[in-house]
Amino acid sequence: MTEAPKEVKPQERPSIPKNVVLVGKKPLMSYVMAALMQLTDSGTVTIKARGRAVSRAVDVAQILANRFLSSDSVKSVKIDTEIIGDPPRNVSIIEITVTGKPLKK
């Protein structure tokens, strides 16, 4: 008797919450506009990045705070380190939470 082959499900990526903007290699203003859209919908957005994109995430948060929101809009900043890859290496992670409604001009 042979057993029927087991179904192997592809690994599913965890879903990203709606109010999170993941920063990568795109132009800076793409992330700013995405964050602004989330701010108008929910009033809060979390900007996340890791590795080389950490500095771009900080730039996105600063542009939001200085040009589009009131001065006290950055509510929290969380930094961490993640071990990834083979051989293992450390990668920096940042999460910046911004709240507020865009200013009317």
PDB file of N, CA and C in Angstrom:
ATOM      1  N   MET A   1       0.821  -1.174   0.000  1.00  0.00           N
ATOM      2  CA  MET A   1       0.000   0.000   0.000  1.00  0.00           C
ATOM      3  C   MET A   1       0.869   1.242   0.000  1.00  0.00           C
ATOM      4  N   THR A   2       0.514   2.115  -0.874  1.00  0.00           N
ATOM      5  CA  THR A   2       1.249   3.369  -0.901  1.00  0.00           C
ATOM      6  C   THR A   2       0.345   4.485  -0.415  1.00  0.00           C
ATOM      7  N   GLU A   3       0.947   5.410   0.265  1.00  0.00           N
ATOM      8  CA  GLU A   3       0.187   6.550   0.779  1.00  0.00           C
ATOM      9  C   GLU A   3       0.072   7.618  -0.296  1.00  0.00           C
ATOM     10  N   ALA A   4      -1.039   8.309  -0.268  1.00  0.00           N
ATOM     11  CA  ALA A   4      -1.220   9.418  -1.197  1.00  0.00           C
ATOM     12  C   ALA A   4      -0.265  10.547  -0.789  1.00  0.00           C
ATOM     13  N   PRO A   5       0.333  11.220  -1.766  1.00  0.00           N
ATOM     14  CA  PRO A   5       1.244  12.303  -1.405  1.00  0.00           C
ATOM     15  C   PRO A   5       0.501  13.414  -0.659  1.00  0.00           C
ATOM     16  N   LYS A   6       1.183  13.961   0.340  1.00  0.00           N
ATOM     17  CA  LYS A   6       0.589  15.036   1.118  1.00  0.00           C
ATOM     18  C   LYS A   6       0.672  16.337   0.334  1.00  0.00           C
ATOM     19  N   GLU A   7      -0.378  17.133   0.496  1.00  0.00           N
ATOM     20  CA  GLU A   7      -0.375  18.445  -0.152  1.00  0.00           C
ATOM     21  C   GLU A   7       0.580  19.366   0.590  1.00  0.00           C
ATOM     22  N   VAL A   8       1.416  20.006  -0.174  1.00  0.00           N
ATOM     23  CA  VAL A   8       2.340  20.966   0.413  1.00  0.00           C
ATOM     24  C   VAL A   8       1.838  22.353   0.052  1.00  0.00           C
ATOM     25  N   LYS A   9       1.495  23.122   1.076  1.00  0.00           N
ATOM     26  CA  LYS A   9       1.004  24.473   0.849  1.00  0.00           C
ATOM     27  C   LYS A   9       2.189  25.424   0.753  1.00  0.00           C
ATOM     28  N   PRO A  10       2.139  26.346  -0.188  1.00  0.00           N
ATOM     29  CA  PRO A  10       3.218  27.342  -0.244  1.00  0.00           C
ATOM     30  C   PRO A  10       3.166  28.209   1.008  1.00  0.00           C
ATOM     31  N   GLN A  11       4.345  28.638   1.441  1.00  0.00           N
ATOM     32  CA  GLN A  11       4.391  29.474   2.633  1.00  0.00           C
ATOM     33  C   GLN A  11       3.713  30.799   2.338  1.00  0.00           C
ATOM     34  N   GLU A  12       2.826  31.166   3.228  1.00  0.00           N
ATOM     35  CA  GLU A  12       2.101  32.406   3.063  1.00  0.00           C
ATOM     36  C   GLU A  12       2.815  33.511   3.825  1.00  0.00           C
ATOM     37  N   ARG A  13       2.892  34.670   3.186  1.00  0.00           N
ATOM     38  CA  ARG A  13       3.452  35.819   3.874  1.00  0.00           C
ATOM     39  C   ARG A  13       2.414  36.363   4.843  1.00  0.00           C
ATOM     40  N   PRO A  14       2.870  36.816   5.998  1.00  0.00           N
ATOM     41  CA  PRO A  14       1.897  37.421   6.907  1.00  0.00           C
ATOM     42  C   PRO A  14       1.342  38.698   6.287  1.00  0.00           C
ATOM     43  N   SER A  15       0.063  38.927   6.488  1.00  0.00           N
ATOM     44  CA  SER A  15      -0.545  40.116   5.902  1.00  0.00           C
ATOM     45  C   SER A  15      -0.053  41.365   6.628  1.00  0.00           C
ATOM     46  N   ILE A  16       0.097  42.432   5.872  1.00  0.00           N
ATOM     47  CA  ILE A  16       0.584  43.693   6.417  1.00  0.00           C
ATOM     48  C   ILE A  16      -0.628  44.523   6.808  1.00  0.00           C
ATOM     49  N   PRO A  17      -0.659  45.041   8.043  1.00  0.00           N
ATOM     50  CA  PRO A  17      -1.784  45.888   8.434  1.00  0.00           C
ATOM     51  C   PRO A  17      -1.933  47.088   7.499  1.00  0.00           C
ATOM     52  N   LYS A  18      -3.136  47.602   7.407  1.00  0.00           N
ATOM     53  CA  LYS A  18      -3.441  48.660   6.454  1.00  0.00           C
ATOM     54  C   LYS A  18      -2.678  49.948   6.743  1.00  0.00           C
ATOM     55  N   ASN A  19      -2.425  50.253   8.007  1.00  0.00           N
ATOM     56  CA  ASN A  19      -1.801  51.527   8.347  1.00  0.00           C
ATOM     57  C   ASN A  19      -0.274  51.430   8.469  1.00  0.00           C
ATOM     58  N   VAL A  20       0.345  50.506   7.752  1.00  0.00           N
ATOM     59  CA  VAL A  20       1.799  50.340   7.768  1.00  0.00           C
ATOM     60  C   VAL A  20       2.349  50.629   6.378  1.00  0.00           C
ATOM     61  N   VAL A  21       3.416  51.423   6.323  1.00  0.00           N
ATOM     62  CA  VAL A  21       4.114  51.700   5.076  1.00  0.00           C
ATOM     63  C   VAL A  21       5.504  51.089   5.186  1.00  0.00           C
ATOM     64  N   LEU A  22       5.808  50.133   4.317  1.00  0.00           N
ATOM     65  CA  LEU A  22       7.121  49.502   4.306  1.00  0.00           C
ATOM     66  C   LEU A  22       8.022  50.255   3.331  1.00  0.00           C
ATOM     67  N   VAL A  23       9.123  50.769   3.830  1.00  0.00           N
ATOM     68  CA  VAL A  23      10.019  51.596   3.030  1.00  0.00           C
ATOM     69  C   VAL A  23      11.080  50.709   2.399  1.00  0.00           C
ATOM     70  N   GLY A  24      11.329  50.936   1.100  1.00  0.00           N
ATOM     71  CA  GLY A  24      12.325  50.176   0.360  1.00  0.00           C
ATOM     72  C   GLY A  24      13.155  51.071  -0.519  1.00  0.00           C
ATOM     73  N   LYS A  25      13.225  50.733  -1.822  1.00  0.00           N
ATOM     74  CA  LYS A  25      14.116  51.433  -2.754  1.00  0.00           C
ATOM     75  C   LYS A  25      13.422  52.459  -3.650  1.00  0.00           C
ATOM     76  N   LYS A  26      12.125  52.599  -3.544  1.00  0.00           N
ATOM     77  CA  LYS A  26      11.404  53.544  -4.396  1.00  0.00           C
ATOM     78  C   LYS A  26      11.791  54.979  -4.046  1.00  0.00           C
ATOM     79  N   PRO A  27      11.410  55.929  -4.886  1.00  0.00           N
ATOM     80  CA  PRO A  27      11.679  57.337  -4.551  1.00  0.00           C
ATOM     81  C   PRO A  27      11.003  57.745  -3.242  1.00  0.00           C
ATOM     82  N   LEU A  28      11.632  58.648  -2.543  1.00  0.00           N
ATOM     83  CA  LEU A  28      11.210  59.075  -1.215  1.00  0.00           C
ATOM     84  C   LEU A  28       9.760  59.555  -1.181  1.00  0.00           C
ATOM     85  N   MET A  29       9.376  60.375  -2.141  1.00  0.00           N
ATOM     86  CA  MET A  29       8.036  60.952  -2.122  1.00  0.00           C
ATOM     87  C   MET A  29       6.936  59.916  -2.364  1.00  0.00           C
ATOM     88  N   SER A  30       7.264  58.771  -2.911  1.00  0.00           N
ATOM     89  CA  SER A  30       6.275  57.696  -3.049  1.00  0.00           C
ATOM     90  C   SER A  30       5.803  57.232  -1.674  1.00  0.00           C
ATOM     91  N   TYR A  31       6.746  57.094  -0.759  1.00  0.00           N
ATOM     92  CA  TYR A  31       6.417  56.663   0.601  1.00  0.00           C
ATOM     93  C   TYR A  31       5.716  57.768   1.375  1.00  0.00           C
ATOM     94  N   VAL A  32       6.105  59.013   1.139  1.00  0.00           N
ATOM     95  CA  VAL A  32       5.446  60.140   1.806  1.00  0.00           C
ATOM     96  C   VAL A  32       3.978  60.196   1.391  1.00  0.00           C
ATOM     97  N   MET A  33       3.712  60.054   0.101  1.00  0.00           N
ATOM     98  CA  MET A  33       2.330  60.096  -0.377  1.00  0.00           C
ATOM     99  C   MET A  33       1.519  58.909   0.156  1.00  0.00           C
ATOM    100  N   ALA A  34       2.120  57.737   0.213  1.00  0.00           N
ATOM    101  CA  ALA A  34       1.425  56.569   0.767  1.00  0.00           C
ATOM    102  C   ALA A  34       1.089  56.793   2.240  1.00  0.00           C
ATOM    103  N   ALA A  35       2.026  57.357   2.982  1.00  0.00           N
ATOM    104  CA  ALA A  35       1.794  57.635   4.398  1.00  0.00           C
ATOM    105  C   ALA A  35       0.716  58.703   4.575  1.00  0.00           C
ATOM    106  N   LEU A  36       0.721  59.721   3.715  1.00  0.00           N
ATOM    107  CA  LEU A  36      -0.313  60.757   3.787  1.00  0.00           C
ATOM    108  C   LEU A  36      -1.702  60.174   3.545  1.00  0.00           C
ATOM    109  N   MET A  37      -1.812  59.276   2.593  1.00  0.00           N
ATOM    110  CA  MET A  37      -3.107  58.645   2.327  1.00  0.00           C
ATOM    111  C   MET A  37      -3.587  57.848   3.540  1.00  0.00           C
ATOM    112  N   GLN A  38      -2.679  57.135   4.193  1.00  0.00           N
ATOM    113  CA  GLN A  38      -3.056  56.380   5.385  1.00  0.00           C
ATOM    114  C   GLN A  38      -3.437  57.310   6.534  1.00  0.00           C
ATOM    115  N   LEU A  39      -2.746  58.432   6.642  1.00  0.00           N
ATOM    116  CA  LEU A  39      -3.062  59.393   7.700  1.00  0.00           C
ATOM    117  C   LEU A  39      -4.450  60.005   7.506  1.00  0.00           C
ATOM    118  N   THR A  40      -4.816  60.294   6.276  1.00  0.00           N
ATOM    119  CA  THR A  40      -6.147  60.861   6.043  1.00  0.00           C
ATOM    120  C   THR A  40      -7.241  59.844   6.328  1.00  0.00           C
ATOM    121  N   ASP A  41      -6.962  58.554   6.108  1.00  0.00           N
ATOM    122  CA  ASP A  41      -7.956  57.511   6.378  1.00  0.00           C
ATOM    123  C   ASP A  41      -8.089  57.203   7.865  1.00  0.00           C
ATOM    124  N   SER A  42      -6.960  56.923   8.523  1.00  0.00           N
ATOM    125  CA  SER A  42      -7.030  56.412   9.890  1.00  0.00           C
ATOM    126  C   SER A  42      -6.457  57.352  10.950  1.00  0.00           C
ATOM    127  N   GLY A  43      -5.694  58.357  10.563  1.00  0.00           N
ATOM    128  CA  GLY A  43      -5.125  59.271  11.545  1.00  0.00           C
ATOM    129  C   GLY A  43      -3.807  58.805  12.146  1.00  0.00           C
ATOM    130  N   THR A  44      -3.376  57.599  11.819  1.00  0.00           N
ATOM    131  CA  THR A  44      -2.093  57.102  12.305  1.00  0.00           C
ATOM    132  C   THR A  44      -1.468  56.201  11.249  1.00  0.00           C
ATOM    133  N   VAL A  45      -0.149  56.222  11.174  1.00  0.00           N
ATOM    134  CA  VAL A  45       0.576  55.378  10.234  1.00  0.00           C
ATOM    135  C   VAL A  45       1.887  54.956  10.883  1.00  0.00           C
ATOM    136  N   THR A  46       2.310  53.732  10.603  1.00  0.00           N
ATOM    137  CA  THR A  46       3.599  53.230  11.069  1.00  0.00           C
ATOM    138  C   THR A  46       4.499  53.045   9.867  1.00  0.00           C
ATOM    139  N   ILE A  47       5.658  53.679   9.911  1.00  0.00           N
ATOM    140  CA  ILE A  47       6.639  53.596   8.829  1.00  0.00           C
ATOM    141  C   ILE A  47       7.686  52.581   9.271  1.00  0.00           C
ATOM    142  N   LYS A  48       7.852  51.514   8.493  1.00  0.00           N
ATOM    143  CA  LYS A  48       8.788  50.450   8.852  1.00  0.00           C
ATOM    144  C   LYS A  48       9.856  50.303   7.777  1.00  0.00           C
ATOM    145  N   ALA A  49      11.086  50.009   8.224  1.00  0.00           N
ATOM    146  CA  ALA A  49      12.175  49.756   7.280  1.00  0.00           C
ATOM    147  C   ALA A  49      13.233  48.919   7.981  1.00  0.00           C
ATOM    148  N   ARG A  50      14.063  48.293   7.159  1.00  0.00           N
ATOM    149  CA  ARG A  50      15.207  47.578   7.723  1.00  0.00           C
ATOM    150  C   ARG A  50      16.403  47.709   6.802  1.00  0.00           C
ATOM    151  N   GLY A  51      17.573  47.564   7.366  1.00  0.00           N
ATOM    152  CA  GLY A  51      18.803  47.635   6.586  1.00  0.00           C
ATOM    153  C   GLY A  51      19.094  49.027   6.076  1.00  0.00           C
ATOM    154  N   ARG A  52      19.461  49.103   4.813  1.00  0.00           N
ATOM    155  CA  ARG A  52      19.836  50.381   4.213  1.00  0.00           C
ATOM    156  C   ARG A  52      18.677  51.354   4.073  1.00  0.00           C
ATOM    157  N   ALA A  53      17.458  50.863   4.160  1.00  0.00           N
ATOM    158  CA  ALA A  53      16.287  51.717   4.008  1.00  0.00           C
ATOM    159  C   ALA A  53      15.919  52.463   5.290  1.00  0.00           C
ATOM    160  N   VAL A  54      16.628  52.209   6.387  1.00  0.00           N
ATOM    161  CA  VAL A  54      16.322  52.864   7.656  1.00  0.00           C
ATOM    162  C   VAL A  54      16.438  54.382   7.524  1.00  0.00           C
ATOM    163  N   SER A  55      17.482  54.866   6.884  1.00  0.00           N
ATOM    164  CA  SER A  55      17.652  56.316   6.746  1.00  0.00           C
ATOM    165  C   SER A  55      16.549  56.923   5.879  1.00  0.00           C
ATOM    166  N   ARG A  56      16.073  56.190   4.878  1.00  0.00           N
ATOM    167  CA  ARG A  56      14.981  56.679   4.042  1.00  0.00           C
ATOM    168  C   ARG A  56      13.685  56.750   4.846  1.00  0.00           C
ATOM    169  N   ALA A  57      13.459  55.802   5.765  1.00  0.00           N
ATOM    170  CA  ALA A  57      12.270  55.832   6.614  1.00  0.00           C
ATOM    171  C   ALA A  57      12.292  57.047   7.542  1.00  0.00           C
ATOM    172  N   VAL A  58      13.460  57.378   8.057  1.00  0.00           N
ATOM    173  CA  VAL A  58      13.590  58.571   8.901  1.00  0.00           C
ATOM    174  C   VAL A  58      13.294  59.819   8.076  1.00  0.00           C
ATOM    175  N   ASP A  59      13.777  59.859   6.848  1.00  0.00           N
ATOM    176  CA  ASP A  59      13.503  60.999   5.968  1.00  0.00           C
ATOM    177  C   ASP A  59      12.003  61.131   5.701  1.00  0.00           C
ATOM    178  N   VAL A  60      11.321  60.016   5.469  1.00  0.00           N
ATOM    179  CA  VAL A  60       9.873  60.035   5.227  1.00  0.00           C
ATOM    180  C   VAL A  60       9.153  60.623   6.438  1.00  0.00           C
ATOM    181  N   ALA A  61       9.508  60.165   7.634  1.00  0.00           N
ATOM    182  CA  ALA A  61       8.866  60.665   8.848  1.00  0.00           C
ATOM    183  C   ALA A  61       9.136  62.155   9.042  1.00  0.00           C
ATOM    184  N   GLN A  62      10.338  62.604   8.746  1.00  0.00           N
ATOM    185  CA  GLN A  62      10.669  64.017   8.915  1.00  0.00           C
ATOM    186  C   GLN A  62       9.937  64.889   7.906  1.00  0.00           C
ATOM    187  N   ILE A  63       9.813  64.432   6.681  1.00  0.00           N
ATOM    188  CA  ILE A  63       9.065  65.194   5.681  1.00  0.00           C
ATOM    189  C   ILE A  63       7.597  65.295   6.096  1.00  0.00           C
ATOM    190  N   LEU A  64       7.032  64.202   6.575  1.00  0.00           N
ATOM    191  CA  LEU A  64       5.649  64.238   7.047  1.00  0.00           C
ATOM    192  C   LEU A  64       5.483  65.227   8.192  1.00  0.00           C
ATOM    193  N   ALA A  65       6.385  65.149   9.162  1.00  0.00           N
ATOM    194  CA  ALA A  65       6.261  65.988  10.351  1.00  0.00           C
ATOM    195  C   ALA A  65       6.496  67.464  10.047  1.00  0.00           C
ATOM    196  N   ASN A  66       7.454  67.779   9.204  1.00  0.00           N
ATOM    197  CA  ASN A  66       7.822  69.175   8.986  1.00  0.00           C
ATOM    198  C   ASN A  66       6.996  69.878   7.912  1.00  0.00           C
ATOM    199  N   ARG A  67       6.547  69.160   6.897  1.00  0.00           N
ATOM    200  CA  ARG A  67       5.830  69.801   5.795  1.00  0.00           C
ATOM    201  C   ARG A  67       4.321  69.629   5.849  1.00  0.00           C
ATOM    202  N   PHE A  68       3.858  68.475   6.325  1.00  0.00           N
ATOM    203  CA  PHE A  68       2.448  68.152   6.180  1.00  0.00           C
ATOM    204  C   PHE A  68       1.667  68.062   7.485  1.00  0.00           C
ATOM    205  N   LEU A  69       2.342  67.957   8.636  1.00  0.00           N
ATOM    206  CA  LEU A  69       1.653  67.753   9.906  1.00  0.00           C
ATOM    207  C   LEU A  69       2.125  68.770  10.939  1.00  0.00           C
ATOM    208  N   SER A  70       1.489  68.747  12.109  1.00  0.00           N
ATOM    209  CA  SER A  70       1.949  69.604  13.198  1.00  0.00           C
ATOM    210  C   SER A  70       3.276  69.079  13.748  1.00  0.00           C
ATOM    211  N   SER A  71       3.939  69.899  14.537  1.00  0.00           N
ATOM    212  CA  SER A  71       5.314  69.588  14.958  1.00  0.00           C
ATOM    213  C   SER A  71       5.437  68.370  15.871  1.00  0.00           C
ATOM    214  N   ASP A  72       4.397  68.030  16.620  1.00  0.00           N
ATOM    215  CA  ASP A  72       4.487  66.905  17.565  1.00  0.00           C
ATOM    216  C   ASP A  72       3.810  65.642  17.028  1.00  0.00           C
ATOM    217  N   SER A  73       3.931  65.386  15.757  1.00  0.00           N
ATOM    218  CA  SER A  73       3.212  64.278  15.127  1.00  0.00           C
ATOM    219  C   SER A  73       3.914  62.923  15.266  1.00  0.00           C
ATOM    220  N   VAL A  74       5.229  62.892  15.485  1.00  0.00           N
ATOM    221  CA  VAL A  74       5.934  61.615  15.654  1.00  0.00           C
ATOM    222  C   VAL A  74       5.711  61.152  17.088  1.00  0.00           C
ATOM    223  N   LYS A  75       4.997  60.025  17.249  1.00  0.00           N
ATOM    224  CA  LYS A  75       4.611  59.556  18.578  1.00  0.00           C
ATOM    225  C   LYS A  75       5.603  58.558  19.173  1.00  0.00           C
ATOM    226  N   SER A  76       6.153  57.678  18.358  1.00  0.00           N
ATOM    227  CA  SER A  76       7.103  56.707  18.915  1.00  0.00           C
ATOM    228  C   SER A  76       8.075  56.247  17.841  1.00  0.00           C
ATOM    229  N   VAL A  77       9.255  55.862  18.305  1.00  0.00           N
ATOM    230  CA  VAL A  77      10.286  55.308  17.431  1.00  0.00           C
ATOM    231  C   VAL A  77      10.809  54.049  18.116  1.00  0.00           C
ATOM    232  N   LYS A  78      10.769  52.936  17.400  1.00  0.00           N
ATOM    233  CA  LYS A  78      11.256  51.665  17.933  1.00  0.00           C
ATOM    234  C   LYS A  78      12.388  51.180  17.041  1.00  0.00           C
ATOM    235  N   ILE A  79      13.514  50.861  17.640  1.00  0.00           N
ATOM    236  CA  ILE A  79      14.627  50.300  16.874  1.00  0.00           C
ATOM    237  C   ILE A  79      14.949  48.916  17.414  1.00  0.00           C
ATOM    238  N   ASP A  80      15.434  48.052  16.527  1.00  0.00           N
ATOM    239  CA  ASP A  80      15.720  46.679  16.911  1.00  0.00           C
ATOM    240  C   ASP A  80      16.730  46.101  15.930  1.00  0.00           C
ATOM    241  N   THR A  81      17.181  44.894  16.204  1.00  0.00           N
ATOM    242  CA  THR A  81      18.086  44.176  15.320  1.00  0.00           C
ATOM    243  C   THR A  81      17.524  42.790  15.070  1.00  0.00           C
ATOM    244  N   GLU A  82      17.564  42.366  13.815  1.00  0.00           N
ATOM    245  CA  GLU A  82      17.063  41.058  13.420  1.00  0.00           C
ATOM    246  C   GLU A  82      18.222  40.258  12.854  1.00  0.00           C
ATOM    247  N   ILE A  83      18.281  38.981  13.162  1.00  0.00           N
ATOM    248  CA  ILE A  83      19.322  38.106  12.622  1.00  0.00           C
ATOM    249  C   ILE A  83      18.716  37.347  11.447  1.00  0.00           C
ATOM    250  N   ILE A  84      19.310  37.520  10.257  1.00  0.00           N
ATOM    251  CA  ILE A  84      18.788  36.860   9.063  1.00  0.00           C
ATOM    252  C   ILE A  84      19.920  36.218   8.276  1.00  0.00           C
ATOM    253  N   GLY A  85      19.541  35.340   7.357  1.00  0.00           N
ATOM    254  CA  GLY A  85      20.477  34.791   6.383  1.00  0.00           C
ATOM    255  C   GLY A  85      21.328  33.641   6.877  1.00  0.00           C
ATOM    256  N   ASP A  86      22.087  33.117   5.922  1.00  0.00           N
ATOM    257  CA  ASP A  86      23.037  32.050   6.208  1.00  0.00           C
ATOM    258  C   ASP A  86      24.318  32.381   5.473  1.00  0.00           C
ATOM    259  N   PRO A  87      25.376  32.761   6.053  1.00  0.00           N
ATOM    260  CA  PRO A  87      25.627  32.834   7.497  1.00  0.00           C
ATOM    261  C   PRO A  87      24.827  33.963   8.144  1.00  0.00           C
ATOM    262  N   PRO A  88      24.492  33.794   9.429  1.00  0.00           N
ATOM    263  CA  PRO A  88      23.667  34.796  10.108  1.00  0.00           C
ATOM    264  C   PRO A  88      24.360  36.157  10.169  1.00  0.00           C
ATOM    265  N   ARG A  89      23.535  37.213   9.984  1.00  0.00           N
ATOM    266  CA  ARG A  89      24.061  38.568  10.109  1.00  0.00           C
ATOM    267  C   ARG A  89      22.990  39.453  10.738  1.00  0.00           C
ATOM    268  N   ASN A  90      23.423  40.527  11.337  1.00  0.00           N
ATOM    269  CA  ASN A  90      22.518  41.451  12.006  1.00  0.00           C
ATOM    270  C   ASN A  90      22.014  42.505  11.021  1.00  0.00           C
ATOM    271  N   VAL A  91      20.712  42.769  11.065  1.00  0.00           N
ATOM    272  CA  VAL A  91      20.094  43.789  10.226  1.00  0.00           C
ATOM    273  C   VAL A  91      19.279  44.701  11.141  1.00  0.00           C
ATOM    274  N   SER A  92      19.489  46.001  11.019  1.00  0.00           N
ATOM    275  CA  SER A  92      18.767  46.972  11.834  1.00  0.00           C
ATOM    276  C   SER A  92      17.344  47.149  11.320  1.00  0.00           C
ATOM    277  N   ILE A  93      16.425  47.400  12.267  1.00  0.00           N
ATOM    278  CA  ILE A  93      15.015  47.613  11.950  1.00  0.00           C
ATOM    279  C   ILE A  93      14.555  48.871  12.676  1.00  0.00           C
ATOM    280  N   ILE A  94      13.684  49.662  12.025  1.00  0.00           N
ATOM    281  CA  ILE A  94      13.099  50.830  12.662  1.00  0.00           C
ATOM    282  C   ILE A  94      11.606  50.861  12.373  1.00  0.00           C
ATOM    283  N   GLU A  95      10.827  51.291  13.373  1.00  0.00           N
ATOM    284  CA  GLU A  95       9.388  51.496  13.240  1.00  0.00           C
ATOM    285  C   GLU A  95       9.075  52.869  13.807  1.00  0.00           C
ATOM    286  N   ILE A  96       8.543  53.752  12.988  1.00  0.00           N
ATOM    287  CA  ILE A  96       8.217  55.113  13.396  1.00  0.00           C
ATOM    288  C   ILE A  96       6.708  55.278  13.294  1.00  0.00           C
ATOM    289  N   THR A  97       6.061  55.637  14.408  1.00  0.00           N
ATOM    290  CA  THR A  97       4.619  55.842  14.418  1.00  0.00           C
ATOM    291  C   THR A  97       4.340  57.341  14.356  1.00  0.00           C
ATOM    292  N   VAL A  98       3.532  57.722  13.366  1.00  0.00           N
ATOM    293  CA  VAL A  98       3.181  59.122  13.138  1.00  0.00           C
ATOM    294  C   VAL A  98       1.657  59.239  13.235  1.00  0.00           C
ATOM    295  N   THR A  99       1.167  60.268  13.954  1.00  0.00           N
ATOM    296  CA  THR A  99      -0.262  60.486  14.070  1.00  0.00           C
ATOM    297  C   THR A  99      -0.596  61.926  13.692  1.00  0.00           C
ATOM    298  N   GLY A 100      -1.849  62.147  13.356  1.00  0.00           N
ATOM    299  CA  GLY A 100      -2.323  63.484  13.044  1.00  0.00           C
ATOM    300  C   GLY A 100      -3.052  63.519  11.726  1.00  0.00           C
ATOM    301  N   LYS A 101      -3.656  64.639  11.474  1.00  0.00           N
ATOM    302  CA  LYS A 101      -4.325  64.874  10.196  1.00  0.00           C
ATOM    303  C   LYS A 101      -3.500  65.883   9.402  1.00  0.00           C
ATOM    304  N   PRO A 102      -3.386  65.690   8.107  1.00  0.00           N
ATOM    305  CA  PRO A 102      -2.624  66.637   7.279  1.00  0.00           C
ATOM    306  C   PRO A 102      -3.184  68.055   7.407  1.00  0.00           C
ATOM    307  N   LEU A 103      -2.276  69.027   7.441  1.00  0.00           N
ATOM    308  CA  LEU A 103      -2.667  70.432   7.548  1.00  0.00           C
ATOM    309  C   LEU A 103      -3.273  70.911   6.248  1.00  0.00           C
ATOM    310  N   LYS A 104      -4.248  71.758   6.333  1.00  0.00           N
ATOM    311  CA  LYS A 104      -4.856  72.359   5.142  1.00  0.00           C
ATOM    312  C   LYS A 104      -4.061  73.599   4.779  1.00  0.00           C
ATOM    313  N   LYS A 105      -3.748  73.762   3.499  1.00  0.00           N
ATOM    314  CA  LYS A 105      -3.001  74.945   3.063  1.00  0.00           C
ATOM    315  C   LYS A 105      -3.824  75.794   2.157  1.00  0.00           C
TER     316      LYS A 105
END
